[in-house]
Protein backbone atom coordinates (compact mmCIF):
# COMPACT_ATOMS: atom_id res chain seq x y z
CA UNK A 1 56.17 -59.16 -69.52
CA UNK A 2 52.83 -58.43 -67.91
CA UNK A 3 52.72 -56.14 -64.87
CA UNK A 4 49.64 -56.52 -62.71
CA UNK A 5 48.48 -55.85 -59.19
CA UNK A 6 49.07 -58.98 -57.12
CA UNK A 7 49.03 -60.04 -53.48
CA UNK A 8 52.64 -61.32 -53.87
CA UNK A 9 51.69 -64.71 -52.44
CA UNK A 10 52.41 -66.90 -55.51
CA UNK A 11 55.31 -69.36 -55.31
CA UNK A 12 57.13 -67.80 -58.28
CA UNK A 13 56.86 -64.31 -56.81
CA UNK A 14 58.01 -65.45 -53.37
CA UNK A 15 61.02 -67.22 -54.94
CA UNK A 16 61.96 -64.11 -56.94
CA UNK A 17 61.67 -61.83 -53.93
CA UNK A 18 63.61 -64.24 -51.72
CA UNK A 19 66.42 -64.50 -54.27
CA UNK A 20 66.61 -60.72 -54.58
CA UNK A 21 66.68 -60.17 -50.81
CA UNK A 22 69.34 -62.85 -50.33
CA UNK A 23 71.52 -61.11 -52.92
CA UNK A 24 71.01 -57.71 -51.28
CA UNK A 25 71.89 -59.17 -47.87
CA UNK A 26 75.00 -60.76 -49.36
CA UNK A 27 76.39 -57.51 -50.74
CA UNK A 28 75.03 -54.87 -48.32
CA UNK A 29 75.51 -54.34 -44.59
CA UNK A 30 72.34 -55.33 -42.68
CA UNK A 31 71.48 -51.73 -41.78
CA UNK A 32 71.62 -50.74 -45.44
CA UNK A 33 69.35 -53.35 -47.01
CA UNK A 34 66.44 -51.22 -48.22
CA UNK A 35 65.38 -53.48 -51.05
CA UNK A 36 62.45 -52.66 -53.28
CA UNK A 37 61.81 -56.16 -54.64
CA UNK A 38 61.48 -56.88 -58.39
CA UNK A 39 62.54 -53.44 -59.80
CA UNK A 40 63.47 -53.52 -63.48
CA UNK A 41 63.10 -51.15 -66.39
CA UNK A 42 59.57 -52.31 -67.22
CA UNK A 43 58.45 -52.10 -63.61
CA UNK A 44 60.01 -48.66 -63.26
CA UNK A 45 58.17 -47.50 -66.37
CA UNK A 46 54.93 -48.89 -64.95
CA UNK A 47 55.51 -47.11 -61.63
CA UNK A 48 56.22 -43.81 -63.38
CA UNK A 49 53.10 -44.14 -65.54
CA UNK A 50 50.98 -44.98 -62.51
CA UNK A 51 52.42 -42.06 -60.55
CA UNK A 52 51.52 -39.72 -63.39
CA UNK A 53 48.02 -41.22 -63.67
CA UNK A 54 47.50 -40.64 -59.94
CA UNK A 55 48.71 -37.06 -60.14
CA UNK A 56 51.83 -37.51 -58.03
CA UNK A 57 54.28 -34.65 -58.22
CA UNK A 58 57.46 -36.44 -57.11
CA UNK A 59 58.93 -39.92 -56.69
CA UNK A 60 61.98 -40.62 -54.51
CA UNK A 61 63.98 -43.81 -53.96
CA UNK A 62 66.94 -45.28 -52.12
CA UNK A 63 69.51 -47.59 -53.70
CA UNK A 64 72.99 -48.80 -52.85
CA UNK A 65 76.16 -46.75 -53.32
CA UNK A 66 78.43 -49.73 -54.04
CA UNK A 67 79.60 -50.68 -57.54
CA UNK A 68 77.14 -53.57 -57.61
CA UNK A 69 74.30 -51.00 -57.71
CA UNK A 70 75.74 -48.96 -60.61
CA UNK A 71 73.29 -50.51 -63.11
CA UNK A 72 70.34 -49.58 -60.90
CA UNK A 73 71.60 -46.02 -60.50
CA UNK A 74 72.10 -45.79 -64.27
CA UNK A 75 68.54 -47.04 -64.85
CA UNK A 76 67.12 -44.47 -62.46
CA UNK A 77 69.24 -41.68 -63.95
CA UNK A 78 68.10 -42.60 -67.46
CA UNK A 79 64.52 -42.26 -66.24
CA UNK A 80 65.06 -38.73 -64.94
CA UNK A 81 66.01 -39.39 -61.31
CA UNK A 82 68.82 -37.33 -59.78
CA UNK A 83 70.72 -37.62 -56.49
CA UNK A 84 69.09 -35.89 -53.53
CA UNK A 85 69.32 -35.66 -49.74
CA UNK A 86 67.85 -38.45 -47.56
CA UNK A 87 64.08 -38.21 -47.27
CA UNK A 88 61.39 -39.58 -44.96
CA UNK A 89 62.93 -41.59 -42.13
CA UNK A 90 66.20 -42.24 -43.98
CA UNK A 91 69.40 -40.73 -42.60
CA UNK A 92 72.75 -40.12 -44.26
CA UNK A 93 74.28 -43.52 -45.00
CA UNK A 94 77.50 -44.05 -46.99
CA UNK A 95 75.97 -47.27 -48.35
CA UNK A 96 72.92 -45.49 -49.77
CA UNK A 97 72.21 -43.15 -52.65
CA UNK A 98 68.96 -41.20 -52.53
CA UNK A 99 67.36 -40.13 -55.79
CA UNK A 100 64.27 -38.18 -56.79
CA UNK A 101 62.43 -36.89 -59.84
CA UNK A 102 59.42 -34.75 -60.52
CA UNK A 103 56.44 -36.21 -62.35
CA UNK A 104 55.18 -34.23 -65.35
């Protein structure tokens, strides 16, 4: 797998993102679809490496609280993320889990 900066306009990318968003809309209430398209273990590793390269001190994310999102939560936990309070413009939402981790 090659991860590269892209304008996300290619047909394959659009199809992948559309499929992901359709799935998120199918299993989540409309007000709780906060999808970060195309996240997988390799992409998460890339993001963490880039955050460290840029000197970031913290990364935070939102994911679903339902059973369907258990693999995502496990992935984030295995990468050092832990549950936290809502951040930014997010508010408490029973359909969301907020996670954060410091960057070494």
